[in-house]
Amino acid sequence: MLSRFWKFPHTKLGYWSIGLALTFLFLLFFVRESVQDFMVSTITNPLRRNLMLHYDFFTMLCGLASGIVGGIAIIKQKERSWLVWLALLPTLFILLIFIAEFLYHKGIIG
């Protein structure tokens, strides 16, 4: 018999965290790469620059939300599915980006 780790999530929050993580990955890798030509011209057009800023913010928000919702599912609802644990990775990725950016601006790295 399989342990609960190898099964699909059994809570709604578990499924939400997986959905948010997949949305983050889709927005980050597939949509962003498909609009590469659109992003090149953002330097000269402030409307496009603002649009991409909001797009990036929404993408990071999806990544952070997947980890927060997954953490709540793991802690409060005792979710143990490997997919929910995997949904924590986008949040860790974004937190590492924030830490690296902070350290770069403080002059500690780079």
PDB file of N, CA and C in Angstrom:
ATOM      1  N   MET A   1       0.847  -1.182   0.000  1.00  0.00           N
ATOM      2  CA  MET A   1       0.000   0.000   0.000  1.00  0.00           C
ATOM      3  C   MET A   1       0.890   1.242   0.000  1.00  0.00           C
ATOM      4  N   LEU A   2       0.528   2.212  -0.819  1.00  0.00           N
ATOM      5  CA  LEU A   2       1.308   3.439  -0.930  1.00  0.00           C
ATOM      6  C   LEU A   2       1.094   4.335   0.285  1.00  0.00           C
ATOM      7  N   SER A   3       2.142   5.045   0.655  1.00  0.00           N
ATOM      8  CA  SER A   3       1.993   6.019   1.725  1.00  0.00           C
ATOM      9  C   SER A   3       1.267   7.239   1.187  1.00  0.00           C
ATOM     10  N   ARG A   4       0.838   8.108   2.101  1.00  0.00           N
ATOM     11  CA  ARG A   4       0.122   9.312   1.688  1.00  0.00           C
ATOM     12  C   ARG A   4       1.017  10.251   0.895  1.00  0.00           C
ATOM     13  N   PHE A   5       2.331  10.108   1.019  1.00  0.00           N
ATOM     14  CA  PHE A   5       3.258  10.979   0.314  1.00  0.00           C
ATOM     15  C   PHE A   5       3.145  10.809  -1.196  1.00  0.00           C
ATOM     16  N   TRP A   6       2.957   9.602  -1.677  1.00  0.00           N
ATOM     17  CA  TRP A   6       2.949   9.331  -3.112  1.00  0.00           C
ATOM     18  C   TRP A   6       1.586   9.480  -3.758  1.00  0.00           C
ATOM     19  N   LYS A   7       0.571   9.818  -2.995  1.00  0.00           N
ATOM     20  CA  LYS A   7      -0.779   9.977  -3.545  1.00  0.00           C
ATOM     21  C   LYS A   7      -1.046  11.430  -3.913  1.00  0.00           C
ATOM     22  N   PHE A   8      -2.161  11.648  -4.610  1.00  0.00           N
ATOM     23  CA  PHE A   8      -2.598  12.999  -4.919  1.00  0.00           C
ATOM     24  C   PHE A   8      -3.091  13.678  -3.645  1.00  0.00           C
ATOM     25  N   PRO A   9      -3.146  14.999  -3.630  1.00  0.00           N
ATOM     26  CA  PRO A   9      -3.627  15.698  -2.430  1.00  0.00           C
ATOM     27  C   PRO A   9      -5.057  15.316  -2.089  1.00  0.00           C
ATOM     28  N   HIS A  10      -5.370  15.399  -0.804  1.00  0.00           N
ATOM     29  CA  HIS A  10      -6.730  15.073  -0.387  1.00  0.00           C
ATOM     30  C   HIS A  10      -7.463  16.302   0.165  1.00  0.00           C
ATOM     31  N   THR A  11      -6.853  17.484   0.078  1.00  0.00           N
ATOM     32  CA  THR A  11      -7.502  18.699   0.543  1.00  0.00           C
ATOM     33  C   THR A  11      -7.615  19.711  -0.605  1.00  0.00           C
ATOM     34  N   LYS A  12      -8.558  20.627  -0.457  1.00  0.00           N
ATOM     35  CA  LYS A  12      -8.723  21.675  -1.465  1.00  0.00           C
ATOM     36  C   LYS A  12      -7.514  22.604  -1.501  1.00  0.00           C
ATOM     37  N   LEU A  13      -6.960  22.909  -0.336  1.00  0.00           N
ATOM     38  CA  LEU A  13      -5.783  23.773  -0.308  1.00  0.00           C
ATOM     39  C   LEU A  13      -4.597  23.119  -1.003  1.00  0.00           C
ATOM     40  N   GLY A  14      -4.496  21.813  -0.921  1.00  0.00           N
ATOM     41  CA  GLY A  14      -3.442  21.102  -1.624  1.00  0.00           C
ATOM     42  C   GLY A  14      -3.563  21.265  -3.126  1.00  0.00           C
ATOM     43  N   TYR A  15      -4.774  21.132  -3.623  1.00  0.00           N
ATOM     44  CA  TYR A  15      -4.990  21.319  -5.055  1.00  0.00           C
ATOM     45  C   TYR A  15      -4.781  22.775  -5.461  1.00  0.00           C
ATOM     46  N   TRP A  16      -5.168  23.721  -4.614  1.00  0.00           N
ATOM     47  CA  TRP A  16      -4.944  25.131  -4.915  1.00  0.00           C
ATOM     48  C   TRP A  16      -3.449  25.435  -5.000  1.00  0.00           C
ATOM     49  N   SER A  17      -2.667  24.888  -4.090  1.00  0.00           N
ATOM     50  CA  SER A  17      -1.225  25.160  -4.130  1.00  0.00           C
ATOM     51  C   SER A  17      -0.596  24.604  -5.401  1.00  0.00           C
ATOM     52  N   ILE A  18      -1.038  23.443  -5.830  1.00  0.00           N
ATOM     53  CA  ILE A  18      -0.523  22.874  -7.078  1.00  0.00           C
ATOM     54  C   ILE A  18      -0.945  23.734  -8.271  1.00  0.00           C
ATOM     55  N   GLY A  19      -2.194  24.173  -8.281  1.00  0.00           N
ATOM     56  CA  GLY A  19      -2.673  25.020  -9.363  1.00  0.00           C
ATOM     57  C   GLY A  19      -1.931  26.345  -9.442  1.00  0.00           C
ATOM     58  N   LEU A  20      -1.662  26.948  -8.295  1.00  0.00           N
ATOM     59  CA  LEU A  20      -0.917  28.210  -8.279  1.00  0.00           C
ATOM     60  C   LEU A  20       0.528  28.003  -8.725  1.00  0.00           C
ATOM     61  N   ALA A  21       1.126  26.890  -8.325  1.00  0.00           N
ATOM     62  CA  ALA A  21       2.499  26.614  -8.752  1.00  0.00           C
ATOM     63  C   ALA A  21       2.566  26.376 -10.254  1.00  0.00           C
ATOM     64  N   LEU A  22       1.605  25.661 -10.796  1.00  0.00           N
ATOM     65  CA  LEU A  22       1.578  25.447 -12.250  1.00  0.00           C
ATOM     66  C   LEU A  22       1.311  26.746 -12.998  1.00  0.00           C
ATOM     67  N   THR A  23       0.463  27.607 -12.445  1.00  0.00           N
ATOM     68  CA  THR A  23       0.227  28.913 -13.055  1.00  0.00           C
ATOM     69  C   THR A  23       1.505  29.743 -13.053  1.00  0.00           C
ATOM     70  N   PHE A  24       2.236  29.703 -11.934  1.00  0.00           N
ATOM     71  CA  PHE A  24       3.511  30.403 -11.852  1.00  0.00           C
ATOM     72  C   PHE A  24       4.483  29.905 -12.913  1.00  0.00           C
ATOM     73  N   LEU A  25       4.616  28.610 -13.036  1.00  0.00           N
ATOM     74  CA  LEU A  25       5.539  28.048 -14.020  1.00  0.00           C
ATOM     75  C   LEU A  25       5.105  28.375 -15.443  1.00  0.00           C
ATOM     76  N   PHE A  26       3.810  28.297 -15.707  1.00  0.00           N
ATOM     77  CA  PHE A  26       3.303  28.617 -17.043  1.00  0.00           C
ATOM     78  C   PHE A  26       3.571  30.076 -17.385  1.00  0.00           C
ATOM     79  N   LEU A  27       3.278  30.974 -16.441  1.00  0.00           N
ATOM     80  CA  LEU A  27       3.491  32.398 -16.693  1.00  0.00           C
ATOM     81  C   LEU A  27       4.967  32.725 -16.811  1.00  0.00           C
ATOM     82  N   LEU A  28       5.781  32.106 -15.987  1.00  0.00           N
ATOM     83  CA  LEU A  28       7.196  32.445 -15.961  1.00  0.00           C
ATOM     84  C   LEU A  28       7.926  31.941 -17.194  1.00  0.00           C
ATOM     85  N   PHE A  29       7.690  30.716 -17.568  1.00  0.00           N
ATOM     86  CA  PHE A  29       8.488  30.116 -18.622  1.00  0.00           C
ATOM     87  C   PHE A  29       7.839  30.191 -19.999  1.00  0.00           C
ATOM     88  N   PHE A  30       6.584  29.867 -20.113  1.00  0.00           N
ATOM     89  CA  PHE A  30       5.973  29.764 -21.429  1.00  0.00           C
ATOM     90  C   PHE A  30       5.469  31.110 -21.952  1.00  0.00           C
ATOM     91  N   VAL A  31       4.704  31.814 -21.163  1.00  0.00           N
ATOM     92  CA  VAL A  31       4.145  33.081 -21.623  1.00  0.00           C
ATOM     93  C   VAL A  31       5.246  34.122 -21.769  1.00  0.00           C
ATOM     94  N   ARG A  32       6.146  34.201 -20.797  1.00  0.00           N
ATOM     95  CA  ARG A  32       7.211  35.204 -20.860  1.00  0.00           C
ATOM     96  C   ARG A  32       8.121  34.970 -22.060  1.00  0.00           C
ATOM     97  N   GLU A  33       8.423  33.737 -22.366  1.00  0.00           N
ATOM     98  CA  GLU A  33       9.268  33.451 -23.531  1.00  0.00           C
ATOM     99  C   GLU A  33       8.549  33.723 -24.845  1.00  0.00           C
ATOM    100  N   SER A  34       7.238  33.553 -24.856  1.00  0.00           N
ATOM    101  CA  SER A  34       6.508  33.785 -26.095  1.00  0.00           C
ATOM    102  C   SER A  34       6.338  35.273 -26.402  1.00  0.00           C
ATOM    103  N   VAL A  35       6.491  36.136 -25.414  1.00  0.00           N
ATOM    104  CA  VAL A  35       6.370  37.575 -25.643  1.00  0.00           C
ATOM    105  C   VAL A  35       7.734  38.260 -25.566  1.00  0.00           C
ATOM    106  N   GLN A  36       8.773  37.544 -25.901  1.00  0.00           N
ATOM    107  CA  GLN A  36      10.131  38.086 -25.818  1.00  0.00           C
ATOM    108  C   GLN A  36      10.290  39.319 -26.706  1.00  0.00           C
ATOM    109  N   ASP A  37       9.745  39.307 -27.905  1.00  0.00           N
ATOM    110  CA  ASP A  37       9.836  40.470 -28.791  1.00  0.00           C
ATOM    111  C   ASP A  37       9.085  41.660 -28.208  1.00  0.00           C
ATOM    112  N   PHE A  38       8.001  41.373 -27.542  1.00  0.00           N
ATOM    113  CA  PHE A  38       7.217  42.429 -26.904  1.00  0.00           C
ATOM    114  C   PHE A  38       8.029  43.099 -25.799  1.00  0.00           C
ATOM    115  N   MET A  39       8.806  42.315 -25.068  1.00  0.00           N
ATOM    116  CA  MET A  39       9.563  42.848 -23.941  1.00  0.00           C
ATOM    117  C   MET A  39      10.780  43.642 -24.391  1.00  0.00           C
ATOM    118  N   VAL A  40      11.330  43.361 -25.557  1.00  0.00           N
ATOM    119  CA  VAL A  40      12.507  44.077 -26.025  1.00  0.00           C
ATOM    120  C   VAL A  40      12.190  45.555 -26.231  1.00  0.00           C
ATOM    121  N   SER A  41      10.996  45.860 -26.668  1.00  0.00           N
ATOM    122  CA  SER A  41      10.643  47.249 -26.946  1.00  0.00           C
ATOM    123  C   SER A  41      10.086  47.978 -25.726  1.00  0.00           C
ATOM    124  N   THR A  42      10.209  47.397 -24.514  1.00  0.00           N
ATOM    125  CA  THR A  42       9.659  48.057 -23.326  1.00  0.00           C
ATOM    126  C   THR A  42      10.482  49.252 -22.890  1.00  0.00           C
ATOM    127  N   ILE A  43      11.720  49.361 -23.344  1.00  0.00           N
ATOM    128  CA  ILE A  43      12.563  50.472 -22.926  1.00  0.00           C
ATOM    129  C   ILE A  43      12.018  51.793 -23.464  1.00  0.00           C
ATOM    130  N   THR A  44      11.542  51.782 -24.688  1.00  0.00           N
ATOM    131  CA  THR A  44      11.080  53.019 -25.318  1.00  0.00           C
ATOM    132  C   THR A  44       9.615  53.329 -25.047  1.00  0.00           C
ATOM    133  N   ASN A  45       8.841  52.359 -24.615  1.00  0.00           N
ATOM    134  CA  ASN A  45       7.413  52.574 -24.430  1.00  0.00           C
ATOM    135  C   ASN A  45       7.063  52.390 -22.952  1.00  0.00           C
ATOM    136  N   PRO A  46       6.705  53.471 -22.239  1.00  0.00           N
ATOM    137  CA  PRO A  46       6.403  53.338 -20.810  1.00  0.00           C
ATOM    138  C   PRO A  46       5.147  52.506 -20.536  1.00  0.00           C
ATOM    139  N   LEU A  47       4.194  52.488 -21.460  1.00  0.00           N
ATOM    140  CA  LEU A  47       3.001  51.670 -21.254  1.00  0.00           C
ATOM    141  C   LEU A  47       3.369  50.189 -21.227  1.00  0.00           C
ATOM    142  N   ARG A  48       4.212  49.769 -22.134  1.00  0.00           N
ATOM    143  CA  ARG A  48       4.652  48.369 -22.148  1.00  0.00           C
ATOM    144  C   ARG A  48       5.496  48.043 -20.928  1.00  0.00           C
ATOM    145  N   ARG A  49       6.310  48.995 -20.498  1.00  0.00           N
ATOM    146  CA  ARG A  49       7.135  48.767 -19.311  1.00  0.00           C
ATOM    147  C   ARG A  49       6.248  48.569 -18.085  1.00  0.00           C
ATOM    148  N   ASN A  50       5.207  49.394 -17.946  1.00  0.00           N
ATOM    149  CA  ASN A  50       4.275  49.237 -16.831  1.00  0.00           C
ATOM    150  C   ASN A  50       3.516  47.924 -16.920  1.00  0.00           C
ATOM    151  N   LEU A  51       3.132  47.543 -18.128  1.00  0.00           N
ATOM    152  CA  LEU A  51       2.425  46.279 -18.311  1.00  0.00           C
ATOM    153  C   LEU A  51       3.296  45.095 -17.888  1.00  0.00           C
ATOM    154  N   MET A  52       4.556  45.110 -18.281  1.00  0.00           N
ATOM    155  CA  MET A  52       5.450  44.012 -17.913  1.00  0.00           C
ATOM    156  C   MET A  52       5.740  44.019 -16.410  1.00  0.00           C
ATOM    157  N   LEU A  53       5.778  45.197 -15.804  1.00  0.00           N
ATOM    158  CA  LEU A  53       5.971  45.278 -14.366  1.00  0.00           C
ATOM    159  C   LEU A  53       4.813  44.617 -13.634  1.00  0.00           C
ATOM    160  N   HIS A  54       3.598  44.885 -14.075  1.00  0.00           N
ATOM    161  CA  HIS A  54       2.426  44.251 -13.467  1.00  0.00           C
ATOM    162  C   HIS A  54       2.397  42.748 -13.751  1.00  0.00           C
ATOM    163  N   TYR A  55       2.792  42.365 -14.934  1.00  0.00           N
ATOM    164  CA  TYR A  55       2.852  40.943 -15.285  1.00  0.00           C
ATOM    165  C   TYR A  55       3.850  40.213 -14.367  1.00  0.00           C
ATOM    166  N   ASP A  56       5.040  40.795 -14.187  1.00  0.00           N
ATOM    167  CA  ASP A  56       6.034  40.173 -13.321  1.00  0.00           C
ATOM    168  C   ASP A  56       5.557  40.108 -11.874  1.00  0.00           C
ATOM    169  N   PHE A  57       4.882  41.157 -11.423  1.00  0.00           N
ATOM    170  CA  PHE A  57       4.347  41.162 -10.061  1.00  0.00           C
ATOM    171  C   PHE A  57       3.317  40.058  -9.887  1.00  0.00           C
ATOM    172  N   PHE A  58       2.417  39.893 -10.848  1.00  0.00           N
ATOM    173  CA  PHE A  58       1.402  38.849 -10.766  1.00  0.00           C
ATOM    174  C   PHE A  58       2.037  37.457 -10.793  1.00  0.00           C
ATOM    175  N   THR A  59       3.078  37.286 -11.606  1.00  0.00           N
ATOM    176  CA  THR A  59       3.767  36.002 -11.666  1.00  0.00           C
ATOM    177  C   THR A  59       4.406  35.673 -10.321  1.00  0.00           C
ATOM    178  N   MET A  60       5.078  36.644  -9.722  1.00  0.00           N
ATOM    179  CA  MET A  60       5.701  36.398  -8.425  1.00  0.00           C
ATOM    180  C   MET A  60       4.657  36.177  -7.339  1.00  0.00           C
ATOM    181  N   LEU A  61       3.537  36.863  -7.449  1.00  0.00           N
ATOM    182  CA  LEU A  61       2.458  36.675  -6.482  1.00  0.00           C
ATOM    183  C   LEU A  61       1.907  35.250  -6.545  1.00  0.00           C
ATOM    184  N   CYS A  62       1.776  34.701  -7.740  1.00  0.00           N
ATOM    185  CA  CYS A  62       1.323  33.310  -7.892  1.00  0.00           C
ATOM    186  C   CYS A  62       2.325  32.352  -7.256  1.00  0.00           C
ATOM    187  N   GLY A  63       3.614  32.609  -7.462  1.00  0.00           N
ATOM    188  CA  GLY A  63       4.637  31.758  -6.870  1.00  0.00           C
ATOM    189  C   GLY A  63       4.646  31.808  -5.359  1.00  0.00           C
ATOM    190  N   LEU A  64       4.529  33.013  -4.806  1.00  0.00           N
ATOM    191  CA  LEU A  64       4.476  33.145  -3.348  1.00  0.00           C
ATOM    192  C   LEU A  64       3.215  32.512  -2.773  1.00  0.00           C
ATOM    193  N   ALA A  65       2.102  32.722  -3.443  1.00  0.00           N
ATOM    194  CA  ALA A  65       0.832  32.175  -2.954  1.00  0.00           C
ATOM    195  C   ALA A  65       0.836  30.651  -2.970  1.00  0.00           C
ATOM    196  N   SER A  66       1.499  30.046  -3.945  1.00  0.00           N
ATOM    197  CA  SER A  66       1.531  28.580  -3.990  1.00  0.00           C
ATOM    198  C   SER A  66       2.229  28.021  -2.757  1.00  0.00           C
ATOM    199  N   GLY A  67       3.312  28.649  -2.339  1.00  0.00           N
ATOM    200  CA  GLY A  67       4.017  28.181  -1.150  1.00  0.00           C
ATOM    201  C   GLY A  67       3.260  28.451   0.128  1.00  0.00           C
ATOM    202  N   ILE A  68       2.612  29.602   0.205  1.00  0.00           N
ATOM    203  CA  ILE A  68       1.854  29.930   1.416  1.00  0.00           C
ATOM    204  C   ILE A  68       0.668  28.997   1.569  1.00  0.00           C
ATOM    205  N   VAL A  69      -0.077  28.797   0.487  1.00  0.00           N
ATOM    206  CA  VAL A  69      -1.234  27.898   0.537  1.00  0.00           C
ATOM    207  C   VAL A  69      -0.774  26.460   0.784  1.00  0.00           C
ATOM    208  N   GLY A  70       0.318  26.055   0.150  1.00  0.00           N
ATOM    209  CA  GLY A  70       0.852  24.717   0.386  1.00  0.00           C
ATOM    210  C   GLY A  70       1.327  24.535   1.815  1.00  0.00           C
ATOM    211  N   GLY A  71       1.957  25.563   2.376  1.00  0.00           N
ATOM    212  CA  GLY A  71       2.390  25.490   3.777  1.00  0.00           C
ATOM    213  C   GLY A  71       1.218  25.369   4.733  1.00  0.00           C
ATOM    214  N   ILE A  72       0.157  26.118   4.462  1.00  0.00           N
ATOM    215  CA  ILE A  72      -1.039  26.006   5.304  1.00  0.00           C
ATOM    216  C   ILE A  72      -1.639  24.615   5.175  1.00  0.00           C
ATOM    217  N   ALA A  73      -1.674  24.074   3.966  1.00  0.00           N
ATOM    218  CA  ALA A  73      -2.220  22.726   3.769  1.00  0.00           C
ATOM    219  C   ALA A  73      -1.372  21.689   4.500  1.00  0.00           C
ATOM    220  N   ILE A  74      -0.065  21.857   4.484  1.00  0.00           N
ATOM    221  CA  ILE A  74       0.818  20.901   5.150  1.00  0.00           C
ATOM    222  C   ILE A  74       0.699  21.003   6.668  1.00  0.00           C
ATOM    223  N   ILE A  75       0.686  22.223   7.191  1.00  0.00           N
ATOM    224  CA  ILE A  75       0.696  22.400   8.645  1.00  0.00           C
ATOM    225  C   ILE A  75      -0.682  22.188   9.259  1.00  0.00           C
ATOM    226  N   LYS A  76      -1.686  22.874   8.740  1.00  0.00           N
ATOM    227  CA  LYS A  76      -3.005  22.837   9.383  1.00  0.00           C
ATOM    228  C   LYS A  76      -3.849  21.634   8.990  1.00  0.00           C
ATOM    229  N   GLN A  77      -3.761  21.226   7.712  1.00  0.00           N
ATOM    230  CA  GLN A  77      -4.642  20.165   7.244  1.00  0.00           C
ATOM    231  C   GLN A  77      -3.911  18.837   7.070  1.00  0.00           C
ATOM    232  N   LYS A  78      -2.667  18.776   7.513  1.00  0.00           N
ATOM    233  CA  LYS A  78      -1.869  17.535   7.491  1.00  0.00           C
ATOM    234  C   LYS A  78      -1.762  16.923   6.099  1.00  0.00           C
ATOM    235  N   GLU A  79      -1.629  17.776   5.107  1.00  0.00           N
ATOM    236  CA  GLU A  79      -1.445  17.311   3.727  1.00  0.00           C
ATOM    237  C   GLU A  79      -0.031  16.772   3.576  1.00  0.00           C
ATOM    238  N   ARG A  80       0.119  15.622   2.942  1.00  0.00           N
ATOM    239  CA  ARG A  80       1.440  15.013   2.813  1.00  0.00           C
ATOM    240  C   ARG A  80       1.790  14.623   1.376  1.00  0.00           C
ATOM    241  N   SER A  81       1.034  15.078   0.409  1.00  0.00           N
ATOM    242  CA  SER A  81       1.286  14.703  -0.976  1.00  0.00           C
ATOM    243  C   SER A  81       2.585  15.331  -1.473  1.00  0.00           C
ATOM    244  N   TRP A  82       3.307  14.587  -2.293  1.00  0.00           N
ATOM    245  CA  TRP A  82       4.568  15.091  -2.832  1.00  0.00           C
ATOM    246  C   TRP A  82       4.342  16.279  -3.748  1.00  0.00           C
ATOM    247  N   LEU A  83       3.173  16.352  -4.363  1.00  0.00           N
ATOM    248  CA  LEU A  83       2.870  17.482  -5.238  1.00  0.00           C
ATOM    249  C   LEU A  83       2.755  18.785  -4.453  1.00  0.00           C
ATOM    250  N   VAL A  84       2.214  18.710  -3.246  1.00  0.00           N
ATOM    251  CA  VAL A  84       2.104  19.904  -2.410  1.00  0.00           C
ATOM    252  C   VAL A  84       3.481  20.329  -1.929  1.00  0.00           C
ATOM    253  N   TRP A  85       4.329  19.360  -1.582  1.00  0.00           N
ATOM    254  CA  TRP A  85       5.700  19.692  -1.189  1.00  0.00           C
ATOM    255  C   TRP A  85       6.445  20.312  -2.363  1.00  0.00           C
ATOM    256  N   LEU A  86       6.173  19.839  -3.562  1.00  0.00           N
ATOM    257  CA  LEU A  86       6.799  20.394  -4.761  1.00  0.00           C
ATOM    258  C   LEU A  86       6.303  21.823  -5.033  1.00  0.00           C
ATOM    259  N   ALA A  87       5.085  22.112  -4.631  1.00  0.00           N
ATOM    260  CA  ALA A  87       4.531  23.450  -4.830  1.00  0.00           C
ATOM    261  C   ALA A  87       5.200  24.490  -3.937  1.00  0.00           C
ATOM    262  N   LEU A  88       5.993  24.070  -2.976  1.00  0.00           N
ATOM    263  CA  LEU A  88       6.737  25.005  -2.136  1.00  0.00           C
ATOM    264  C   LEU A  88       7.958  25.571  -2.862  1.00  0.00           C
ATOM    265  N   LEU A  89       8.419  24.906  -3.900  1.00  0.00           N
ATOM    266  CA  LEU A  89       9.634  25.332  -4.599  1.00  0.00           C
ATOM    267  C   LEU A  89       9.538  26.706  -5.260  1.00  0.00           C
ATOM    268  N   PRO A  90       8.427  27.084  -5.908  1.00  0.00           N
ATOM    269  CA  PRO A  90       8.377  28.441  -6.458  1.00  0.00           C
ATOM    270  C   PRO A  90       8.557  29.521  -5.394  1.00  0.00           C
ATOM    271  N   THR A  91       8.011  29.293  -4.203  1.00  0.00           N
ATOM    272  CA  THR A  91       8.177  30.264  -3.128  1.00  0.00           C
ATOM    273  C   THR A  91       9.631  30.360  -2.703  1.00  0.00           C
ATOM    274  N   LEU A  92      10.295  29.230  -2.598  1.00  0.00           N
ATOM    275  CA  LEU A  92      11.718  29.257  -2.252  1.00  0.00           C
ATOM    276  C   LEU A  92      12.529  29.957  -3.339  1.00  0.00           C
ATOM    277  N   PHE A  93      12.185  29.735  -4.577  1.00  0.00           N
ATOM    278  CA  PHE A  93      12.857  30.391  -5.701  1.00  0.00           C
ATOM    279  C   PHE A  93      12.708  31.913  -5.606  1.00  0.00           C
ATOM    280  N   ILE A  94      11.509  32.385  -5.348  1.00  0.00           N
ATOM    281  CA  ILE A  94      11.266  33.823  -5.259  1.00  0.00           C
ATOM    282  C   ILE A  94      11.960  34.413  -4.037  1.00  0.00           C
ATOM    283  N   LEU A  95      11.945  33.701  -2.919  1.00  0.00           N
ATOM    284  CA  LEU A  95      12.633  34.203  -1.739  1.00  0.00           C
ATOM    285  C   LEU A  95      14.138  34.300  -1.963  1.00  0.00           C
ATOM    286  N   LEU A  96      14.703  33.353  -2.685  1.00  0.00           N
ATOM    287  CA  LEU A  96      16.127  33.439  -3.010  1.00  0.00           C
ATOM    288  C   LEU A  96      16.424  34.635  -3.915  1.00  0.00           C
ATOM    289  N   ILE A  97      15.528  34.930  -4.838  1.00  0.00           N
ATOM    290  CA  ILE A  97      15.699  36.100  -5.695  1.00  0.00           C
ATOM    291  C   ILE A  97      15.654  37.380  -4.853  1.00  0.00           C
ATOM    292  N   PHE A  98      14.708  37.463  -3.922  1.00  0.00           N
ATOM    293  CA  PHE A  98      14.615  38.641  -3.053  1.00  0.00           C
ATOM    294  C   PHE A  98      15.873  38.805  -2.204  1.00  0.00           C
ATOM    295  N   ILE A  99      16.365  37.718  -1.642  1.00  0.00           N
ATOM    296  CA  ILE A  99      17.563  37.780  -0.809  1.00  0.00           C
ATOM    297  C   ILE A  99      18.770  38.197  -1.638  1.00  0.00           C
ATOM    298  N   ALA A 100      18.910  37.620  -2.822  1.00  0.00           N
ATOM    299  CA  ALA A 100      20.038  37.984  -3.684  1.00  0.00           C
ATOM    300  C   ALA A 100      19.953  39.446  -4.108  1.00  0.00           C
ATOM    301  N   GLU A 101      18.775  39.916  -4.418  1.00  0.00           N
ATOM    302  CA  GLU A 101      18.608  41.313  -4.800  1.00  0.00           C
ATOM    303  C   GLU A 101      18.950  42.245  -3.643  1.00  0.00           C
ATOM    304  N   PHE A 102      18.510  41.891  -2.459  1.00  0.00           N
ATOM    305  CA  PHE A 102      18.831  42.682  -1.279  1.00  0.00           C
ATOM    306  C   PHE A 102      20.339  42.717  -1.023  1.00  0.00           C
ATOM    307  N   LEU A 103      20.987  41.562  -1.093  1.00  0.00           N
ATOM    308  CA  LEU A 103      22.424  41.503  -0.864  1.00  0.00           C
ATOM    309  C   LEU A 103      23.183  42.250  -1.946  1.00  0.00           C
ATOM    310  N   TYR A 104      22.692  42.229  -3.158  1.00  0.00           N
ATOM    311  CA  TYR A 104      23.353  42.964  -4.241  1.00  0.00           C
ATOM    312  C   TYR A 104      23.271  44.479  -4.013  1.00  0.00           C
ATOM    313  N   HIS A 105      22.107  44.948  -3.604  1.00  0.00           N
ATOM    314  CA  HIS A 105      21.946  46.384  -3.384  1.00  0.00           C
ATOM    315  C   HIS A 105      22.690  46.874  -2.153  1.00  0.00           C
ATOM    316  N   LYS A 106      22.928  45.991  -1.194  1.00  0.00           N
ATOM    317  CA  LYS A 106      23.714  46.359  -0.016  1.00  0.00           C
ATOM    318  C   LYS A 106      25.214  46.283  -0.296  1.00  0.00           C
ATOM    319  N   GLY A 107      25.595  45.764  -1.456  1.00  0.00           N
ATOM    320  CA  GLY A 107      26.998  45.682  -1.821  1.00  0.00           C
ATOM    321  C   GLY A 107      27.714  44.472  -1.253  1.00  0.00           C
ATOM    322  N   ILE A 108      26.975  43.516  -0.726  1.00  0.00           N
ATOM    323  CA  ILE A 108      27.586  42.332  -0.133  1.00  0.00           C
ATOM    324  C   ILE A 108      28.020  41.347  -1.221  1.00  0.00           C
ATOM    325  N   ILE A 109      27.199  41.226  -2.261  1.00  0.00           N
ATOM    326  CA  ILE A 109      27.581  40.381  -3.398  1.00  0.00           C
ATOM    327  C   ILE A 109      27.594  41.229  -4.666  1.00  0.00           C
ATOM    328  N   GLY A 110      28.243  40.721  -5.693  1.00  0.00           N
ATOM    329  CA  GLY A 110      28.231  41.360  -7.003  1.00  0.00           C
ATOM    330  C   GLY A 110      29.108  42.548  -7.082  1.00  0.00           C
TER     331      GLY A 110
END
